[in-house]
PDB file of N, CA and C in Angstrom:
ATOM      1  N   UNK A   1      81.212 112.687 111.724  1.00  0.00           N
ATOM      2  CA  UNK A   1      82.319 111.790 111.938  1.00  0.00           C
ATOM      3  C   UNK A   1      83.446 112.163 110.989  1.00  0.00           C
ATOM      4  N   UNK A   2      84.669 112.166 111.482  1.00  0.00           N
ATOM      5  CA  UNK A   2      85.843 112.435 110.656  1.00  0.00           C
ATOM      6  C   UNK A   2      86.534 111.117 110.358  1.00  0.00           C
ATOM      7  N   UNK A   3      87.041 111.018 109.152  1.00  0.00           N
ATOM      8  CA  UNK A   3      87.709 109.801 108.734  1.00  0.00           C
ATOM      9  C   UNK A   3      88.978 110.176 107.999  1.00  0.00           C
ATOM     10  N   UNK A   4      90.121 109.724 108.476  1.00  0.00           N
ATOM     11  CA  UNK A   4      91.400 109.947 107.816  1.00  0.00           C
ATOM     12  C   UNK A   4      91.857 108.620 107.221  1.00  0.00           C
ATOM     13  N   UNK A   5      92.288 108.670 105.968  1.00  0.00           N
ATOM     14  CA  UNK A   5      92.632 107.479 105.211  1.00  0.00           C
ATOM     15  C   UNK A   5      94.143 107.421 104.998  1.00  0.00           C
ATOM     16  N   UNK A   6      94.786 106.273 105.250  1.00  0.00           N
ATOM     17  CA  UNK A   6      96.209 106.156 104.956  1.00  0.00           C
ATOM     18  C   UNK A   6      96.432 106.069 103.446  1.00  0.00           C
ATOM     19  N   UNK A   7      97.398 106.817 102.959  1.00  0.00           N
ATOM     20  CA  UNK A   7      97.756 106.761 101.547  1.00  0.00           C
ATOM     21  C   UNK A   7      99.262 106.814 101.377  1.00  0.00           C
ATOM     22  N   UNK A   8      99.745 106.193 100.320  1.00  0.00           N
ATOM     23  CA  UNK A   8     101.178 106.184 100.008  1.00  0.00           C
ATOM     24  C   UNK A   8     101.472 107.311  99.026  1.00  0.00           C
ATOM     25  N   UNK A   9     102.458 108.125  99.330  1.00  0.00           N
ATOM     26  CA  UNK A   9     102.850 109.223  98.460  1.00  0.00           C
ATOM     27  C   UNK A   9     103.594 108.651  97.254  1.00  0.00           C
ATOM     28  N   UNK A  10     103.063 108.923  96.056  1.00  0.00           N
ATOM     29  CA  UNK A  10     103.679 108.394  94.837  1.00  0.00           C
ATOM     30  C   UNK A  10     104.308 109.492  93.984  1.00  0.00           C
ATOM     31  N   UNK A  11     103.954 110.752  94.262  1.00  0.00           N
ATOM     32  CA  UNK A  11     104.517 111.865  93.504  1.00  0.00           C
ATOM     33  C   UNK A  11     104.351 113.143  94.318  1.00  0.00           C
ATOM     34  N   UNK A  12     105.338 114.033  94.223  1.00  0.00           N
ATOM     35  CA  UNK A  12     105.271 115.316  94.925  1.00  0.00           C
ATOM     36  C   UNK A  12     105.579 116.434  93.947  1.00  0.00           C
ATOM     37  N   UNK A  13     104.756 117.490  93.990  1.00  0.00           N
ATOM     38  CA  UNK A  13     105.008 118.706  93.227  1.00  0.00           C
ATOM     39  C   UNK A  13     105.505 119.741  94.225  1.00  0.00           C
ATOM     40  N   UNK A  14     106.824 119.970  94.247  1.00  0.00           N
ATOM     41  CA  UNK A  14     107.440 120.881  95.215  1.00  0.00           C
ATOM     42  C   UNK A  14     106.948 122.314  95.039  1.00  0.00           C
ATOM     43  N   UNK A  15     106.603 122.695  93.816  1.00  0.00           N
ATOM     44  CA  UNK A  15     106.174 124.068  93.542  1.00  0.00           C
ATOM     45  C   UNK A  15     104.835 124.367  94.200  1.00  0.00           C
ATOM     46  N   UNK A  16     103.884 123.443  94.079  1.00  0.00           N
ATOM     47  CA  UNK A  16     102.538 123.676  94.611  1.00  0.00           C
ATOM     48  C   UNK A  16     102.325 123.088  96.001  1.00  0.00           C
ATOM     49  N   UNK A  17     103.317 122.326  96.509  1.00  0.00           N
ATOM     50  CA  UNK A  17     103.202 121.651  97.806  1.00  0.00           C
ATOM     51  C   UNK A  17     102.036 120.667  97.813  1.00  0.00           C
ATOM     52  N   UNK A  18     101.824 120.026  96.663  1.00  0.00           N
ATOM     53  CA  UNK A  18     100.778 119.013  96.509  1.00  0.00           C
ATOM     54  C   UNK A  18     101.450 117.667  96.261  1.00  0.00           C
ATOM     55  N   UNK A  19     100.727 116.601  96.611  1.00  0.00           N
ATOM     56  CA  UNK A  19     101.227 115.250  96.385  1.00  0.00           C
ATOM     57  C   UNK A  19     100.126 114.397  95.790  1.00  0.00           C
ATOM     58  N   UNK A  20     100.532 113.387  95.062  1.00  0.00           N
ATOM     59  CA  UNK A  20      99.612 112.354  94.620  1.00  0.00           C
ATOM     60  C   UNK A  20      99.803 111.188  95.574  1.00  0.00           C
ATOM     61  N   UNK A  21      98.706 110.755  96.198  1.00  0.00           N
ATOM     62  CA  UNK A  21      98.772 109.604  97.090  1.00  0.00           C
ATOM     63  C   UNK A  21      97.945 108.475  96.501  1.00  0.00           C
ATOM     64  N   UNK A  22      98.339 107.269  96.833  1.00  0.00           N
ATOM     65  CA  UNK A  22      97.650 106.078  96.360  1.00  0.00           C
ATOM     66  C   UNK A  22      97.017 105.370  97.549  1.00  0.00           C
ATOM     67  N   UNK A  23      95.725 105.096  97.405  1.00  0.00           N
ATOM     68  CA  UNK A  23      94.984 104.289  98.380  1.00  0.00           C
ATOM     69  C   UNK A  23      94.465 103.103  97.591  1.00  0.00           C
ATOM     70  N   UNK A  24      95.113 101.962  97.749  1.00  0.00           N
ATOM     71  CA  UNK A  24      94.785 100.833  96.888  1.00  0.00           C
ATOM     72  C   UNK A  24      95.136 101.205  95.460  1.00  0.00           C
ATOM     73  N   UNK A  25      94.190 101.070  94.542  1.00  0.00           N
ATOM     74  CA  UNK A  25      94.406 101.443  93.148  1.00  0.00           C
ATOM     75  C   UNK A  25      93.865 102.826  92.826  1.00  0.00           C
ATOM     76  N   UNK A  26      93.450 103.572  93.836  1.00  0.00           N
ATOM     77  CA  UNK A  26      92.890 104.908  93.644  1.00  0.00           C
ATOM     78  C   UNK A  26      93.972 105.943  93.950  1.00  0.00           C
ATOM     79  N   UNK A  27      94.097 106.938  93.065  1.00  0.00           N
ATOM     80  CA  UNK A  27      95.055 108.020  93.294  1.00  0.00           C
ATOM     81  C   UNK A  27      94.305 109.316  93.541  1.00  0.00           C
ATOM     82  N   UNK A  28      94.856 110.126  94.428  1.00  0.00           N
ATOM     83  CA  UNK A  28      94.198 111.357  94.858  1.00  0.00           C
ATOM     84  C   UNK A  28      95.247 112.441  95.059  1.00  0.00           C
ATOM     85  N   UNK A  29      94.916 113.674  94.644  1.00  0.00           N
ATOM     86  CA  UNK A  29      95.791 114.818  94.891  1.00  0.00           C
ATOM     87  C   UNK A  29      95.484 115.381  96.271  1.00  0.00           C
ATOM     88  N   UNK A  30      96.527 115.625  97.067  1.00  0.00           N
ATOM     89  CA  UNK A  30      96.344 116.173  98.414  1.00  0.00           C
ATOM     90  C   UNK A  30      97.381 117.256  98.688  1.00  0.00           C
ATOM     91  N   UNK A  31      97.031 118.160  99.577  1.00  0.00           N
ATOM     92  CA  UNK A  31      97.937 119.221  99.990  1.00  0.00           C
ATOM     93  C   UNK A  31      98.883 118.705 101.072  1.00  0.00           C
ATOM     94  N   UNK A  32     100.136 119.146 100.988  1.00  0.00           N
ATOM     95  CA  UNK A  32     101.130 118.810 102.016  1.00  0.00           C
ATOM     96  C   UNK A  32     101.378 119.986 102.964  1.00  0.00           C
ATOM     97  N   UNK A  33     100.505 120.984 102.931  1.00  0.00           N
ATOM     98  CA  UNK A  33     100.700 122.201 103.709  1.00  0.00           C
ATOM     99  C   UNK A  33     100.784 121.964 105.215  1.00  0.00           C
ATOM    100  N   UNK A  34     100.205 120.872 105.702  1.00  0.00           N
ATOM    101  CA  UNK A  34     100.148 120.643 107.152  1.00  0.00           C
ATOM    102  C   UNK A  34     101.220 119.693 107.682  1.00  0.00           C
ATOM    103  N   UNK A  35     102.055 119.150 106.786  1.00  0.00           N
ATOM    104  CA  UNK A  35     103.094 118.208 107.219  1.00  0.00           C
ATOM    105  C   UNK A  35     104.443 118.615 106.644  1.00  0.00           C
ATOM    106  N   UNK A  36     105.498 118.209 107.321  1.00  0.00           N
ATOM    107  CA  UNK A  36     106.850 118.516 106.882  1.00  0.00           C
ATOM    108  C   UNK A  36     107.596 117.231 106.557  1.00  0.00           C
ATOM    109  N   UNK A  37     108.617 117.372 105.739  1.00  0.00           N
ATOM    110  CA  UNK A  37     109.541 116.278 105.441  1.00  0.00           C
ATOM    111  C   UNK A  37     108.857 115.046 104.856  1.00  0.00           C
ATOM    112  N   UNK A  38     107.906 115.243 103.971  1.00  0.00           N
ATOM    113  CA  UNK A  38     107.245 114.131 103.297  1.00  0.00           C
ATOM    114  C   UNK A  38     108.009 113.832 102.015  1.00  0.00           C
ATOM    115  N   UNK A  39     108.244 112.549 101.760  1.00  0.00           N
ATOM    116  CA  UNK A  39     108.959 112.116 100.560  1.00  0.00           C
ATOM    117  C   UNK A  39     108.143 111.044  99.846  1.00  0.00           C
ATOM    118  N   UNK A  40     108.470 110.839  98.592  1.00  0.00           N
ATOM    119  CA  UNK A  40     107.845 109.753  97.833  1.00  0.00           C
ATOM    120  C   UNK A  40     108.077 108.450  98.590  1.00  0.00           C
ATOM    121  N   UNK A  41     107.067 107.613  98.644  1.00  0.00           N
ATOM    122  CA  UNK A  41     107.031 106.325  99.341  1.00  0.00           C
ATOM    123  C   UNK A  41     106.700 106.434 100.832  1.00  0.00           C
ATOM    124  N   UNK A  42     106.557 107.664 101.361  1.00  0.00           N
ATOM    125  CA  UNK A  42     106.061 107.825 102.731  1.00  0.00           C
ATOM    126  C   UNK A  42     104.566 107.539 102.747  1.00  0.00           C
ATOM    127  N   UNK A  43     104.052 107.242 103.925  1.00  0.00           N
ATOM    128  CA  UNK A  43     102.612 107.069 104.114  1.00  0.00           C
ATOM    129  C   UNK A  43     102.101 108.231 104.948  1.00  0.00           C
ATOM    130  N   UNK A  44     100.940 108.766 104.556  1.00  0.00           N
ATOM    131  CA  UNK A  44     100.336 109.892 105.261  1.00  0.00           C
ATOM    132  C   UNK A  44      98.867 109.584 105.528  1.00  0.00           C
ATOM    133  N   UNK A  45      98.318 110.214 106.564  1.00  0.00           N
ATOM    134  CA  UNK A  45      96.881 110.155 106.809  1.00  0.00           C
ATOM    135  C   UNK A  45      96.246 111.324 106.065  1.00  0.00           C
ATOM    136  N   UNK A  46      95.226 111.034 105.258  1.00  0.00           N
ATOM    137  CA  UNK A  46      94.589 112.038 104.413  1.00  0.00           C
ATOM    138  C   UNK A  46      93.155 112.275 104.886  1.00  0.00           C
ATOM    139  N   UNK A  47      92.802 113.552 104.996  1.00  0.00           N
ATOM    140  CA  UNK A  47      91.428 113.932 105.342  1.00  0.00           C
ATOM    141  C   UNK A  47      91.066 115.172 104.541  1.00  0.00           C
ATOM    142  N   UNK A  48      89.951 115.143 103.858  1.00  0.00           N
ATOM    143  CA  UNK A  48      89.408 116.212 103.018  1.00  0.00           C
ATOM    144  C   UNK A  48      90.470 116.961 102.207  1.00  0.00           C
ATOM    145  N   UNK A  49      91.322 116.187 101.545  1.00  0.00           N
ATOM    146  CA  UNK A  49      92.286 116.779 100.625  1.00  0.00           C
ATOM    147  C   UNK A  49      93.591 117.245 101.237  1.00  0.00           C
ATOM    148  N   UNK A  50      93.804 116.969 102.515  1.00  0.00           N
ATOM    149  CA  UNK A  50      95.035 117.363 103.192  1.00  0.00           C
ATOM    150  C   UNK A  50      95.711 116.151 103.822  1.00  0.00           C
ATOM    151  N   UNK A  51      97.025 116.088 103.704  1.00  0.00           N
ATOM    152  CA  UNK A  51      97.800 115.120 104.469  1.00  0.00           C
ATOM    153  C   UNK A  51      97.938 115.694 105.873  1.00  0.00           C
ATOM    154  N   UNK A  52      97.503 114.937 106.883  1.00  0.00           N
ATOM    155  CA  UNK A  52      97.517 115.432 108.257  1.00  0.00           C
ATOM    156  C   UNK A  52      98.822 115.135 108.980  1.00  0.00           C
ATOM    157  N   UNK A  53      99.362 113.940 108.766  1.00  0.00           N
ATOM    158  CA  UNK A  53     100.645 113.566 109.362  1.00  0.00           C
ATOM    159  C   UNK A  53     101.177 112.305 108.702  1.00  0.00           C
ATOM    160  N   UNK A  54     102.471 112.065 108.908  1.00  0.00           N
ATOM    161  CA  UNK A  54     103.095 110.850 108.385  1.00  0.00           C
ATOM    162  C   UNK A  54     102.838 109.700 109.353  1.00  0.00           C
ATOM    163  N   UNK A  55     102.709 108.501 108.785  1.00  0.00           N
ATOM    164  CA  UNK A  55     102.588 107.292 109.590  1.00  0.00           C
ATOM    165  C   UNK A  55     103.492 106.228 108.989  1.00  0.00           C
ATOM    166  N   UNK A  56     103.725 105.174 109.730  1.00  0.00           N
ATOM    167  CA  UNK A  56     104.565 104.089 109.239  1.00  0.00           C
ATOM    168  C   UNK A  56     103.805 103.232 108.230  1.00  0.00           C
ATOM    169  N   UNK A  57     104.540 102.514 107.416  1.00  0.00           N
ATOM    170  CA  UNK A  57     103.915 101.597 106.463  1.00  0.00           C
ATOM    171  C   UNK A  57     103.112 100.527 107.203  1.00  0.00           C
ATOM    172  N   UNK A  58     103.635 100.067 108.331  1.00  0.00           N
ATOM    173  CA  UNK A  58     102.938  99.051 109.132  1.00  0.00           C
ATOM    174  C   UNK A  58     101.605  99.580 109.662  1.00  0.00           C
ATOM    175  N   UNK A  59     101.612 100.808 110.174  1.00  0.00           N
ATOM    176  CA  UNK A  59     100.372 101.412 110.685  1.00  0.00           C
ATOM    177  C   UNK A  59      99.358 101.614 109.555  1.00  0.00           C
ATOM    178  N   UNK A  60      99.837 102.021 108.385  1.00  0.00           N
ATOM    179  CA  UNK A  60      98.942 102.192 107.231  1.00  0.00           C
ATOM    180  C   UNK A  60      98.302 100.857 106.852  1.00  0.00           C
ATOM    181  N   UNK A  61      99.107  99.799 106.802  1.00  0.00           N
ATOM    182  CA  UNK A  61      98.589  98.477 106.433  1.00  0.00           C
ATOM    183  C   UNK A  61      97.560  97.984 107.446  1.00  0.00           C
ATOM    184  N   UNK A  62      97.848  98.180 108.734  1.00  0.00           N
ATOM    185  CA  UNK A  62      96.902  97.753 109.779  1.00  0.00           C
ATOM    186  C   UNK A  62      95.580  98.517 109.664  1.00  0.00           C
ATOM    187  N   UNK A  63      95.657  99.813 109.434  1.00  0.00           N
ATOM    188  CA  UNK A  63      94.448 100.631 109.325  1.00  0.00           C
ATOM    189  C   UNK A  63      93.626 100.232 108.111  1.00  0.00           C
ATOM    190  N   UNK A  64      94.283 100.056 106.960  1.00  0.00           N
ATOM    191  CA  UNK A  64      93.559  99.647 105.749  1.00  0.00           C
ATOM    192  C   UNK A  64      92.940  98.262 105.925  1.00  0.00           C
ATOM    193  N   UNK A  65      93.627  97.360 106.640  1.00  0.00           N
ATOM    194  CA  UNK A  65      93.074  96.031 106.898  1.00  0.00           C
ATOM    195  C   UNK A  65      91.812  96.125 107.753  1.00  0.00           C
ATOM    196  N   UNK A  66      91.806  97.022 108.733  1.00  0.00           N
ATOM    197  CA  UNK A  66      90.612  97.216 109.557  1.00  0.00           C
ATOM    198  C   UNK A  66      89.452  97.763 108.733  1.00  0.00           C
ATOM    199  N   UNK A  67      89.735  98.708 107.839  1.00  0.00           N
ATOM    200  CA  UNK A  67      88.682  99.222 106.957  1.00  0.00           C
ATOM    201  C   UNK A  67      88.130  98.105 106.079  1.00  0.00           C
ATOM    202  N   UNK A  68      89.031  97.279 105.537  1.00  0.00           N
ATOM    203  CA  UNK A  68      88.604  96.169 104.680  1.00  0.00           C
ATOM    204  C   UNK A  68      87.760  95.173 105.474  1.00  0.00           C
ATOM    205  N   UNK A  69      88.175  94.902 106.707  1.00  0.00           N
ATOM    206  CA  UNK A  69      87.419  93.993 107.574  1.00  0.00           C
ATOM    207  C   UNK A  69      86.003  94.526 107.823  1.00  0.00           C
ATOM    208  N   UNK A  70      85.888  95.860 107.854  1.00  0.00           N
ATOM    209  CA  UNK A  70      84.580  96.490 108.055  1.00  0.00           C
ATOM    210  C   UNK A  70      83.773  96.552 106.759  1.00  0.00           C
ATOM    211  N   UNK A  71      84.368  96.077 105.659  1.00  0.00           N
ATOM    212  CA  UNK A  71      83.654  96.025 104.394  1.00  0.00           C
ATOM    213  C   UNK A  71      83.775  97.266 103.534  1.00  0.00           C
ATOM    214  N   UNK A  72      84.781  98.110 103.798  1.00  0.00           N
ATOM    215  CA  UNK A  72      84.986  99.322 103.006  1.00  0.00           C
ATOM    216  C   UNK A  72      86.149  99.142 102.040  1.00  0.00           C
ATOM    217  N   UNK A  73      85.919  99.435 100.755  1.00  0.00           N
ATOM    218  CA  UNK A  73      86.973  99.344  99.740  1.00  0.00           C
ATOM    219  C   UNK A  73      87.731 100.661  99.672  1.00  0.00           C
ATOM    220  N   UNK A  74      88.878 100.661  98.984  1.00  0.00           N
ATOM    221  CA  UNK A  74      89.675 101.875  98.820  1.00  0.00           C
ATOM    222  C   UNK A  74      88.868 102.967  98.131  1.00  0.00           C
ATOM    223  N   UNK A  75      88.085 102.608  97.114  1.00  0.00           N
ATOM    224  CA  UNK A  75      87.268 103.595  96.410  1.00  0.00           C
ATOM    225  C   UNK A  75      86.246 104.214  97.344  1.00  0.00           C
ATOM    226  N   UNK A  76      85.600 103.414  98.157  1.00  0.00           N
ATOM    227  CA  UNK A  76      84.620 103.932  99.113  1.00  0.00           C
ATOM    228  C   UNK A  76      85.293 104.834 100.150  1.00  0.00           C
ATOM    229  N   UNK A  77      86.487 104.454 100.582  1.00  0.00           N
ATOM    230  CA  UNK A  77      87.200 105.250 101.574  1.00  0.00           C
ATOM    231  C   UNK A  77      87.553 106.613 101.020  1.00  0.00           C
ATOM    232  N   UNK A  78      88.037 106.665  99.787  1.00  0.00           N
ATOM    233  CA  UNK A  78      88.400 107.940  99.180  1.00  0.00           C
ATOM    234  C   UNK A  78      87.155 108.798  99.003  1.00  0.00           C
ATOM    235  N   UNK A  79      86.040 108.204  98.580  1.00  0.00           N
ATOM    236  CA  UNK A  79      84.791 108.950  98.419  1.00  0.00           C
ATOM    237  C   UNK A  79      84.300 109.503  99.754  1.00  0.00           C
ATOM    238  N   UNK A  80      84.406 108.738 100.822  1.00  0.00           N
ATOM    239  CA  UNK A  80      83.956 109.172 102.142  1.00  0.00           C
ATOM    240  C   UNK A  80      84.786 110.354 102.627  1.00  0.00           C
ATOM    241  N   UNK A  81      86.081 110.354 102.323  1.00  0.00           N
ATOM    242  CA  UNK A  81      86.965 111.406 102.833  1.00  0.00           C
ATOM    243  C   UNK A  81      87.001 112.635 101.933  1.00  0.00           C
ATOM    244  N   UNK A  82      86.268 112.631 100.811  1.00  0.00           N
ATOM    245  CA  UNK A  82      86.290 113.728  99.852  1.00  0.00           C
ATOM    246  C   UNK A  82      84.949 114.455  99.867  1.00  0.00           C
ATOM    247  N   UNK A  83      84.917 115.696 100.335  1.00  0.00           N
ATOM    248  CA  UNK A  83      83.645 116.403 100.423  1.00  0.00           C
ATOM    249  C   UNK A  83      83.029 116.704  99.066  1.00  0.00           C
ATOM    250  N   UNK A  84      83.804 116.643  97.985  1.00  0.00           N
ATOM    251  CA  UNK A  84      83.285 116.909  96.654  1.00  0.00           C
ATOM    252  C   UNK A  84      82.821 115.643  95.942  1.00  0.00           C
ATOM    253  N   UNK A  85      83.057 114.484  96.502  1.00  0.00           N
ATOM    254  CA  UNK A  85      82.657 113.236  95.872  1.00  0.00           C
ATOM    255  C   UNK A  85      81.145 113.170  95.806  1.00  0.00           C
ATOM    256  N   UNK A  86      80.666 112.708  94.691  1.00  0.00           N
ATOM    257  CA  UNK A  86      79.229 112.526  94.537  1.00  0.00           C
ATOM    258  C   UNK A  86      78.467 113.779  94.171  1.00  0.00           C
ATOM    259  N   UNK A  87      79.194 114.891  93.959  1.00  0.00           N
ATOM    260  CA  UNK A  87      78.511 116.130  93.590  1.00  0.00           C
ATOM    261  C   UNK A  87      78.393 116.241  92.095  1.00  0.00           C
TER     262      UNK A  87
END
């Protein structure tokens, strides 16, 4: 099963094409290699360390609410989407 998590871009390193995204109170470094025109405060879908595409703030909030309704916290979501978590 693949799971993409909405995250808010809080910092961008233009040199490395990497961004820091926030999912709840959890921050994660992700690659922006697969998306264009991403800016700080944009929302992106993140899967295994890559931002896949931009989404609206409303869509991000709805998706995170559904995850929360299913009983998944931001920390659990980030761990599920990170292949190196738990190693």
